[in-house]
Amino acid sequence: MRVSADDFLSGESGLVAGVRAVTTTTLADRFLDLRLALGSAGRAARAASGPPRRVLVAGIYGGDTALMERAAGELRHSSHDVELALGARGATAPALAGVTVADHLEGGKFENLNAILAASDVKRHDWLIAIDDDVALPHRFLDRFVAICEALGFAIAQPAQTRRSHAGWRVTRRRGGLVARETQFVETGPLTAFRADAAAEFVPFPPLRYGWGLDVHWSALARERGWRLGVVDALPVRHDAVPVASGYSREAAAAEAREFLRDRPYVPAAEAQRTLAAHTDLSR
C-alpha cells in the first residue's frame, strides 16, 4: 500500500504540559474516577471475572525501575497463572532479577521484545501482554482486564489512558460511563494485550526500532481476520511520567514507519480514531 502524506500519524503530540492543561486534566480524571466509583460501568468492571488463564507479560525497562517494579507486583497479584519475562536496557535491577531474562539490550522496543520472547513459549499462553516501564496500573487490573476483554471478544486490547497521560491518540483516552469501546485501533503501548491467536500471528514482531506504524498495520490485519479491537475505559492507566517520543527522534520514527508501511496494509489515522461500539456493561 502506498503511504499517503503520513496519514498513519495521529497528528497530535499527546503532550499534557503547562499549569492550565495539567490542572484541567487532573480535575477531569478526579471527576471520572468518582463517576467510575459510583456508576454502573464501574460496578460492571469490578464484578468482571472469568476462569484462570495463562498470561505472559513481556516488557523492557531502563534505569528508573520504580514503575515497572510496582506494575510487576500488581500483575503478579492475580488469579491467573502469570509469567513475567522482562529485559533490561542496562544492568539487571536487583528488585527484578527473578523475572529479568536478558540485560544490556541495545535494540529498539520490538527488537528487544523479540529477544526476550525467544526465551519463552508464547504458544502455551492464553494472553500475551507487552508493557512499558513508565505506566501505573490500577488495583486488581489483570483479573478485571482479561475478564472484560474475553466477555467483549477482544483479540487485541489496551486499557484507556487517563486524561492527564501523555497519549498521542485521542481514541485511547478514557471516556466516562463506559466499560470499554470496540475500536479500529489499539496502540503499541504503554500496555497492549494479545489473545493467543493474535499473538501467534504477530510474534515475533517486526524488528522495528521505534514501532510507529505497527499499530495501524495491526488494525488492517485485524479487520481482515474479523478480530475485535478494544480500549477498556473502566481500567484507565496513568502514562504521564515521560512524554511520547521524548527519548528519540520523531523524524527517524516516522521515516521508519513510512518504509515499513510502504508495502503493507494499514488503517489511516482518521479511521483509526473512530469508535465502533461503546459498552456500558459486559454484553456485546
Protein backbone atom coordinates (compact mmCIF):
# COMPACT_ATOMS: atom_id res chain seq x y z
CA MET A 1 0.00 0.00 0.00
CA ARG A 2 1.29 3.41 -0.89
CA VAL A 3 1.82 5.60 2.16
CA SER A 4 -0.14 8.82 1.66
CA ALA A 5 1.24 12.02 3.23
CA ASP A 6 1.96 10.38 6.59
CA ASP A 7 -1.72 9.55 7.08
CA PHE A 8 -0.63 6.87 9.55
CA LEU A 9 0.17 9.54 12.16
CA SER A 10 -2.40 10.84 14.65
CA GLY A 11 -1.30 14.41 14.00
CA GLU A 12 -1.21 15.13 17.75
CA SER A 13 1.70 15.08 20.18
CA GLY A 14 -0.44 13.99 23.12
CA LEU A 15 1.73 16.03 25.49
CA VAL A 16 -0.07 17.39 28.55
CA ALA A 17 2.06 20.29 29.78
CA GLY A 18 1.63 23.64 31.44
CA VAL A 19 -0.24 24.55 34.61
CA ARG A 20 -3.61 25.00 32.92
CA ALA A 21 -3.51 21.70 30.99
CA VAL A 22 -2.23 19.71 33.94
CA THR A 23 -4.82 21.20 36.29
CA THR A 24 -7.70 20.70 33.85
CA THR A 25 -6.84 17.08 33.06
CA THR A 26 -6.18 16.23 36.71
CA LEU A 27 -9.60 17.55 37.69
CA ALA A 28 -11.18 15.69 34.77
CA ASP A 29 -9.61 12.45 35.99
CA ARG A 30 -10.89 13.01 39.52
CA PHE A 31 -14.40 13.53 38.20
CA LEU A 32 -14.17 10.41 36.02
CA ASP A 33 -12.75 8.41 38.94
CA LEU A 34 -15.77 9.41 41.03
CA ARG A 35 -18.14 8.54 38.20
CA LEU A 36 -16.43 5.18 37.85
CA ALA A 37 -16.67 4.52 41.58
CA LEU A 38 -20.39 5.31 41.73
CA GLY A 39 -21.68 4.35 38.29
CA SER A 40 -22.90 1.15 36.68
CA ALA A 41 -19.89 0.82 34.35
CA GLY A 42 -17.56 0.80 37.34
CA ARG A 43 -19.70 -1.80 39.10
CA ALA A 44 -19.67 -3.99 35.99
CA ALA A 45 -15.89 -3.74 35.72
CA ARG A 46 -15.32 -4.52 39.40
CA ALA A 47 -17.59 -7.56 39.14
CA ALA A 48 -15.93 -8.86 35.96
CA SER A 49 -14.47 -12.32 36.43
CA GLY A 50 -13.50 -15.35 34.41
CA PRO A 51 -11.57 -18.62 34.55
CA PRO A 52 -7.84 -18.66 35.32
CA ARG A 53 -5.71 -18.02 32.25
CA ARG A 54 -2.04 -18.37 31.39
CA VAL A 55 -0.70 -14.86 30.85
CA LEU A 56 2.77 -13.97 29.60
CA VAL A 57 3.88 -10.42 30.41
CA ALA A 58 6.86 -9.05 28.50
CA GLY A 59 8.49 -5.68 28.98
CA ILE A 60 11.71 -3.72 28.76
CA TYR A 61 12.95 -1.40 31.50
CA GLY A 62 15.61 1.27 31.79
CA GLY A 63 17.42 2.88 34.69
CA ASP A 64 14.39 4.04 36.69
CA THR A 65 12.59 0.83 37.62
CA ALA A 66 10.12 2.12 40.22
CA LEU A 67 7.02 1.97 38.00
CA MET A 68 8.00 -1.37 36.46
CA GLU A 69 8.50 -2.84 39.93
CA ARG A 70 5.06 -1.68 41.01
CA ALA A 71 3.47 -2.92 37.78
CA ALA A 72 5.15 -6.31 38.15
CA GLY A 73 3.81 -6.61 41.69
CA GLU A 74 0.29 -5.66 40.60
CA LEU A 75 0.32 -8.12 37.69
CA ARG A 76 1.50 -10.99 39.88
CA HIS A 77 -1.29 -10.24 42.37
CA SER A 78 -3.77 -12.10 40.22
CA SER A 79 -5.82 -15.27 39.99
CA HIS A 80 -4.16 -16.01 36.66
CA ASP A 81 -1.01 -18.02 36.03
CA VAL A 82 1.29 -15.08 35.25
CA GLU A 83 4.77 -15.44 33.78
CA LEU A 84 6.87 -12.28 33.75
CA ALA A 85 9.68 -12.05 31.20
CA LEU A 86 11.49 -8.73 31.39
CA GLY A 87 14.53 -7.32 29.69
CA ALA A 88 16.88 -4.56 30.85
CA ARG A 89 18.46 -1.93 28.64
CA GLY A 90 21.31 -1.80 31.14
CA ALA A 91 22.20 -4.00 34.08
CA THR A 92 19.57 -6.19 35.71
CA ALA A 93 17.75 -4.37 38.50
CA PRO A 94 18.10 -6.26 41.80
CA ALA A 95 14.37 -5.97 42.55
CA LEU A 96 13.55 -7.51 39.16
CA ALA A 97 16.34 -10.08 38.99
CA GLY A 98 14.00 -13.04 39.31
CA VAL A 99 11.98 -12.08 36.23
CA THR A 100 14.68 -10.49 34.03
CA VAL A 101 15.66 -12.88 31.25
CA ALA A 102 18.08 -10.61 29.35
CA ASP A 103 20.04 -7.45 30.06
CA HIS A 104 22.19 -4.87 28.29
CA LEU A 105 19.74 -4.90 25.38
CA GLU A 106 20.63 -2.40 22.67
CA GLY A 107 17.79 -2.65 20.17
CA GLY A 108 14.51 -0.81 19.87
CA LYS A 109 11.37 -1.79 21.75
CA PHE A 110 10.21 -4.54 19.42
CA GLU A 111 13.70 -5.82 18.70
CA ASN A 112 14.20 -6.15 22.44
CA LEU A 113 10.79 -7.76 22.96
CA ASN A 114 11.69 -10.36 20.35
CA ALA A 115 14.92 -11.09 22.20
CA ILE A 116 13.16 -11.83 25.48
CA LEU A 117 10.19 -13.64 23.93
CA ALA A 118 12.58 -16.02 22.20
CA ALA A 119 13.24 -17.49 25.65
CA SER A 120 9.52 -18.04 26.38
CA ASP A 121 6.95 -20.42 24.95
CA VAL A 122 4.42 -17.87 23.75
CA LYS A 123 2.13 -20.56 22.34
CA ARG A 124 1.35 -22.07 25.73
CA HIS A 125 -0.24 -18.85 26.97
CA ASP A 126 -3.79 -17.60 26.54
CA TRP A 127 -2.72 -13.95 26.55
CA LEU A 128 0.45 -12.01 25.82
CA ILE A 129 0.82 -8.57 27.38
CA ALA A 130 3.53 -6.13 26.31
CA ILE A 131 4.12 -3.42 28.90
CA ASP A 132 6.30 -0.30 29.00
CA ASP A 133 8.28 0.70 32.08
CA ASP A 134 6.50 4.03 32.64
CA VAL A 135 2.88 3.00 33.23
CA ALA A 136 0.93 2.88 36.51
CA LEU A 137 -1.78 0.22 36.74
CA PRO A 138 -4.99 0.34 38.80
CA HIS A 139 -5.71 -2.14 41.60
CA ARG A 140 -6.75 -5.68 40.56
CA PHE A 141 -6.01 -4.72 36.99
CA LEU A 142 -5.22 -8.05 35.36
CA ASP A 143 -8.17 -10.12 36.59
CA ARG A 144 -10.68 -7.49 35.53
CA PHE A 145 -8.92 -6.58 32.29
CA VAL A 146 -8.74 -10.14 30.97
CA ALA A 147 -12.34 -10.83 32.02
CA ILE A 148 -13.60 -7.70 30.22
CA CYS A 149 -11.60 -8.48 27.07
CA GLU A 150 -12.92 -12.02 26.93
CA ALA A 151 -16.51 -11.02 27.66
CA LEU A 152 -16.44 -8.48 24.81
CA GLY A 153 -14.47 -10.70 22.44
CA PHE A 154 -11.40 -8.52 22.04
CA ALA A 155 -8.43 -10.14 20.28
CA ILE A 156 -6.17 -7.12 20.83
CA ALA A 157 -6.83 -4.58 23.56
CA GLN A 158 -5.40 -1.89 25.76
CA PRO A 159 -6.52 -0.02 28.86
CA ALA A 160 -7.55 3.56 28.24
CA GLN A 161 -5.12 6.23 29.35
CA THR A 162 -6.06 8.88 31.89
CA ARG A 163 -6.76 12.42 30.72
CA ARG A 164 -3.54 13.50 32.42
CA SER A 165 -1.50 10.95 30.46
CA HIS A 166 0.69 11.77 27.50
CA ALA A 167 -1.38 9.96 24.85
CA GLY A 168 -0.78 10.55 21.16
CA TRP A 169 -4.15 9.14 20.06
CA ARG A 170 -7.46 10.64 21.25
CA VAL A 171 -9.21 7.30 20.85
CA THR A 172 -7.08 5.83 23.64
CA ARG A 173 -8.01 8.44 26.27
CA ARG A 174 -10.56 7.36 28.87
CA ARG A 175 -14.23 8.16 28.45
CA GLY A 176 -16.74 8.29 31.26
CA GLY A 177 -19.69 5.96 31.81
CA LEU A 178 -18.22 3.12 29.78
CA VAL A 179 -16.69 -0.26 30.48
CA ALA A 180 -14.95 -0.38 27.12
CA ARG A 181 -15.14 0.58 23.47
CA GLU A 182 -14.72 -1.51 20.36
CA THR A 183 -12.32 0.44 18.18
CA GLN A 184 -10.42 0.14 14.94
CA PHE A 185 -7.11 0.76 16.67
CA VAL A 186 -5.01 -0.39 19.60
CA GLU A 187 -1.72 1.38 20.26
CA THR A 188 1.70 -0.24 20.63
CA GLY A 189 1.92 0.98 24.23
CA PRO A 190 2.04 1.62 27.07
CA LEU A 191 0.26 -1.72 27.53
CA THR A 192 -1.01 -3.93 24.73
CA ALA A 193 -2.70 -7.31 25.16
CA PHE A 194 -2.87 -10.02 22.50
CA ARG A 195 -5.17 -13.02 22.65
CA ALA A 196 -3.44 -16.30 21.81
CA ASP A 197 -4.49 -16.33 18.15
CA ALA A 198 -3.30 -12.76 17.63
CA ALA A 199 -0.03 -13.41 19.47
CA ALA A 200 0.61 -16.48 17.32
CA GLU A 201 0.37 -14.33 14.21
CA PHE A 202 2.22 -11.23 15.42
CA VAL A 203 5.15 -12.79 17.32
CA PRO A 204 7.96 -12.40 16.52
CA PHE A 205 7.29 -8.73 16.00
CA PRO A 206 8.81 -6.92 13.01
CA PRO A 207 12.34 -5.84 14.04
CA LEU A 208 11.46 -2.15 14.34
CA ARG A 209 13.44 0.24 16.47
CA TYR A 210 10.64 2.75 17.08
CA GLY A 211 7.48 0.85 16.13
CA TRP A 212 5.49 3.76 14.70
CA GLY A 213 3.00 2.49 12.12
CA LEU A 214 2.92 -1.03 13.52
CA ASP A 215 -0.38 -0.40 15.32
CA VAL A 216 -2.21 0.84 12.21
CA HIS A 217 -0.89 -2.25 10.40
CA TRP A 218 -2.30 -4.43 13.20
CA SER A 219 -5.61 -2.64 12.64
CA ALA A 220 -5.68 -3.66 8.99
CA LEU A 221 -4.79 -7.27 9.78
CA ALA A 222 -7.45 -7.43 12.50
CA ARG A 223 -10.04 -6.12 10.04
CA GLU A 224 -9.08 -8.78 7.50
CA ARG A 225 -9.42 -11.53 10.11
CA GLY A 226 -12.59 -10.25 11.71
CA TRP A 227 -10.90 -9.65 15.07
CA ARG A 228 -12.30 -7.15 17.53
CA LEU A 229 -10.05 -4.46 18.95
CA GLY A 230 -10.85 -2.69 22.18
CA VAL A 231 -9.96 0.09 24.61
CA VAL A 232 -11.01 -0.61 28.21
CA ASP A 233 -12.18 2.66 29.76
CA ALA A 234 -13.10 1.29 33.20
CA LEU A 235 -9.45 0.40 33.96
CA PRO A 236 -7.54 3.54 32.97
CA VAL A 237 -3.77 3.57 33.37
CA ARG A 238 -1.52 6.53 34.08
CA HIS A 239 1.13 7.25 31.49
CA ASP A 240 2.35 10.69 32.48
CA ALA A 241 5.92 10.10 33.62
CA VAL A 242 7.62 10.59 30.25
CA PRO A 243 6.25 12.38 27.15
CA VAL A 244 5.83 10.36 23.96
CA ALA A 245 8.99 10.27 21.79
CA SER A 246 10.99 12.19 24.36
CA GLY A 247 13.94 9.82 24.10
CA TYR A 248 14.27 9.51 20.33
CA SER A 249 13.85 11.36 17.05
CA ARG A 250 10.28 11.77 15.78
CA GLU A 251 11.65 12.21 12.28
CA ALA A 252 13.54 8.91 12.44
CA ALA A 253 10.48 7.13 13.83
CA ALA A 254 8.25 8.50 11.06
CA ALA A 255 10.80 7.57 8.39
CA GLU A 256 10.94 4.00 9.70
CA ALA A 257 7.14 3.84 9.65
CA ARG A 258 6.95 5.06 6.04
CA GLU A 259 9.32 2.34 4.93
CA PHE A 260 7.57 -0.34 6.98
CA LEU A 261 4.10 0.55 5.66
CA ARG A 262 5.17 1.07 2.06
CA ASP A 263 4.18 -2.47 1.05
CA ARG A 264 1.85 -3.35 3.91
CA PRO A 265 -1.84 -2.67 4.55
CA TYR A 266 -2.77 -0.20 7.26
CA VAL A 267 -5.72 1.78 8.55
CA PRO A 268 -5.25 5.55 8.12
CA ALA A 269 -5.31 7.67 11.27
CA ALA A 270 -8.70 9.23 10.50
CA GLU A 271 -10.27 5.77 10.57
CA ALA A 272 -8.15 4.60 13.49
CA GLN A 273 -9.62 7.34 15.69
CA ARG A 274 -13.17 6.01 15.24
CA THR A 275 -15.12 4.13 17.91
CA LEU A 276 -17.26 1.32 16.52
CA ALA A 277 -19.26 0.48 19.64
CA ALA A 278 -19.46 1.72 23.23
CA HIS A 279 -20.16 -0.78 26.01
CA THR A 280 -21.74 0.28 29.28
CA ASP A 281 -21.74 -3.31 30.54
CA LEU A 282 -20.26 -6.68 29.52
CA SER A 283 -22.86 -7.58 26.91
CA ARG A 284 -21.74 -7.50 23.29
